Each structure stands twice: as structure tokens, then as C-alpha cells.
Amino acid sequence: MNLNAWKLVGVICSGIWLLVSGSVTALISLIALAALFEPKPPNPNPEYWSFKVFGYVLLKDIRPWIAPGYILFGVGPVIGFAILMNKLGHPLGSAQLIGLGICAIIPFVWFLLAVYWP
């Protein structure tokens, strides 16, 4: 199999990776945002534990690390793939870069619509 076929497979897999990792990041952000609006600290009573309280307890410390985690584990491998292809002498074309950019921005649009849609 020639390098152009591997490049096409890599671009498709990178697009899927951006969609999946961005969607997981957006979902975690939405849960953390819902936990932010918890009216009072969670009750230590075991009967009180609900999904919202569980999210509050787990995600109150994760909130500052959501965006850097997406950049490191979501966008970082895709940038590494683009650099590798450039070093091998087959840089990604503008259409492929635009496609990867669209795959990277779709989860953020979904997040913004989920937060700000009336």
C-alpha cells in the first residue's frame, strides 16, 4: 500500500478521533457546568447521592483541566500526524486540513448550542 493511501486512512482516523475526543470533552464540560449550579454543598447522607451530586463531587476539581486535556490528547496527536506527513514529504492538502478543522470545531459548536440555546 502506498503512502497516499496511508495518508487518507490517517486523515479519516484523525477526523474520527477529533470528533470523539471533542464530544467526550464537551459532555464532561456540560456535566461540570451542571455541577457548577449546585445550590448547596452535597449532603454526606448516602440516600441523597444522585447523578448531579456525583458529578459535582467528581468534576469540581477537573473543571480547570478540561480544555488543556482536549488540546493535549485530542488535537495533539492530529498535529503530530500532520507534522509526520510533512516530514515524510507528503504534506496534508488544504482540503484535508479544512476537513480536520471542521471535525475539531463541531464538538465546540455542539457545546455552545447546548449551553446557550433557549
Protein backbone atom coordinates (compact mmCIF):
# COMPACT_ATOMS: atom_id res chain seq x y z
CA MET A 1 0.00 0.00 0.00
CA ASN A 2 1.44 3.35 -0.94
CA LEU A 3 1.90 6.35 1.33
CA ASN A 4 -1.04 8.28 -0.12
CA ALA A 5 -3.45 5.52 0.92
CA TRP A 6 -2.00 5.56 4.46
CA LYS A 7 -2.31 9.33 4.46
CA LEU A 8 -6.01 9.04 3.56
CA VAL A 9 -6.56 6.43 6.30
CA GLY A 10 -4.71 8.65 8.76
CA VAL A 11 -6.80 11.70 7.86
CA ILE A 12 -10.04 9.73 8.28
CA CYS A 13 -8.91 8.28 11.61
CA SER A 14 -7.74 11.72 12.78
CA GLY A 15 -11.13 13.21 11.92
CA ILE A 16 -12.93 10.48 13.84
CA TRP A 17 -10.51 10.98 16.75
CA LEU A 18 -11.22 14.72 16.82
CA LEU A 19 -14.98 14.15 16.76
CA VAL A 20 -14.93 11.53 19.52
CA SER A 21 -12.46 13.27 21.84
CA GLY A 22 -14.17 16.63 21.33
CA SER A 23 -17.60 15.15 22.02
CA VAL A 24 -16.36 13.50 25.23
CA THR A 25 -14.76 16.79 26.28
CA ALA A 26 -17.97 18.69 25.55
CA LEU A 27 -20.03 16.15 27.51
CA ILE A 28 -17.69 16.38 30.50
CA SER A 29 -17.86 20.18 30.27
CA LEU A 30 -21.66 20.11 30.27
CA ILE A 31 -21.73 17.84 33.31
CA ALA A 32 -19.20 20.08 35.08
CA LEU A 33 -21.29 23.12 34.17
CA ALA A 34 -24.38 21.46 35.62
CA ALA A 35 -22.42 20.66 38.78
CA LEU A 36 -21.39 24.31 38.99
CA PHE A 37 -25.00 25.33 39.58
CA GLU A 38 -25.47 23.02 42.55
CA PRO A 39 -27.34 25.24 45.06
CA LYS A 40 -25.61 23.89 48.17
CA PRO A 41 -22.76 21.55 49.06
CA PRO A 42 -23.67 17.88 48.75
CA ASN A 43 -25.13 16.13 51.74
CA PRO A 44 -22.95 13.26 53.04
CA ASN A 45 -26.11 11.18 53.58
CA PRO A 46 -25.85 8.11 51.26
CA GLU A 47 -29.54 8.27 50.33
CA TYR A 48 -29.02 11.75 48.91
CA TRP A 49 -26.43 10.75 46.30
CA SER A 50 -27.78 11.47 42.86
CA PHE A 51 -26.12 11.85 39.49
CA LYS A 52 -25.92 15.62 39.89
CA VAL A 53 -24.22 15.38 43.28
CA PHE A 54 -21.93 12.65 41.96
CA GLY A 55 -20.95 14.94 39.08
CA TYR A 56 -20.39 17.83 41.47
CA VAL A 57 -18.09 15.83 43.70
CA LEU A 58 -16.07 14.33 40.84
CA LEU A 59 -15.89 17.28 38.47
CA LYS A 60 -15.33 20.25 40.76
CA ASP A 61 -11.59 19.58 40.67
CA ILE A 62 -11.47 18.57 36.99
CA ARG A 63 -13.00 21.78 35.59
CA PRO A 64 -9.69 23.66 35.04
CA TRP A 65 -8.15 20.67 33.23
CA ILE A 66 -10.84 20.04 30.59
CA ALA A 67 -9.56 22.33 27.81
CA PRO A 68 -5.84 21.52 28.26
CA GLY A 69 -6.72 17.82 28.25
CA TYR A 70 -8.50 18.18 24.90
CA ILE A 71 -5.58 20.10 23.45
CA LEU A 72 -3.07 17.50 24.70
CA PHE A 73 -4.97 14.29 23.95
CA GLY A 74 -7.35 15.40 21.20
CA VAL A 75 -5.59 17.93 18.99
CA GLY A 76 -2.00 16.94 19.84
CA PRO A 77 -1.98 13.57 18.06
CA VAL A 78 -3.57 15.10 14.98
CA ILE A 79 -0.94 17.84 14.84
CA GLY A 80 1.73 15.16 15.30
CA PHE A 81 0.26 13.22 12.37
CA ALA A 82 0.32 16.36 10.18
CA ILE A 83 3.96 17.04 11.13
CA LEU A 84 4.92 13.42 10.43
CA MET A 85 3.31 13.52 6.99
CA ASN A 86 5.11 16.78 6.25
CA LYS A 87 8.47 15.22 7.24
CA LEU A 88 7.76 12.22 5.01
CA GLY A 89 7.32 14.56 2.06
CA HIS A 90 3.54 14.24 1.68
CA PRO A 91 2.04 17.26 3.45
CA LEU A 92 -1.69 17.40 4.04
CA GLY A 93 -3.61 19.36 1.45
CA SER A 94 -5.80 22.34 2.18
CA ALA A 95 -8.99 20.30 1.78
CA GLN A 96 -7.75 17.74 4.31
CA LEU A 97 -6.76 20.45 6.79
CA ILE A 98 -10.13 22.15 6.38
CA GLY A 99 -11.87 18.82 6.97
CA LEU A 100 -9.86 18.19 10.13
CA GLY A 101 -10.59 21.72 11.31
CA ILE A 102 -14.32 21.15 10.81
CA CYS A 103 -14.08 17.88 12.75
CA ALA A 104 -12.32 19.76 15.56
CA ILE A 105 -14.89 22.57 15.74
CA ILE A 106 -18.12 20.50 15.58
CA PRO A 107 -18.00 19.44 19.29
CA PHE A 108 -17.49 23.06 20.36
CA VAL A 109 -20.47 24.18 18.30
CA TRP A 110 -22.50 21.37 19.90
CA PHE A 111 -21.37 22.52 23.36
CA LEU A 112 -22.23 26.16 22.67
CA LEU A 113 -25.65 25.21 21.30
CA ALA A 114 -26.33 23.04 24.35
CA VAL A 115 -25.38 25.85 26.74
CA TYR A 116 -26.81 28.93 25.04
CA TRP A 117 -29.80 27.60 23.07
CA PRO A 118 -33.01 28.88 24.74
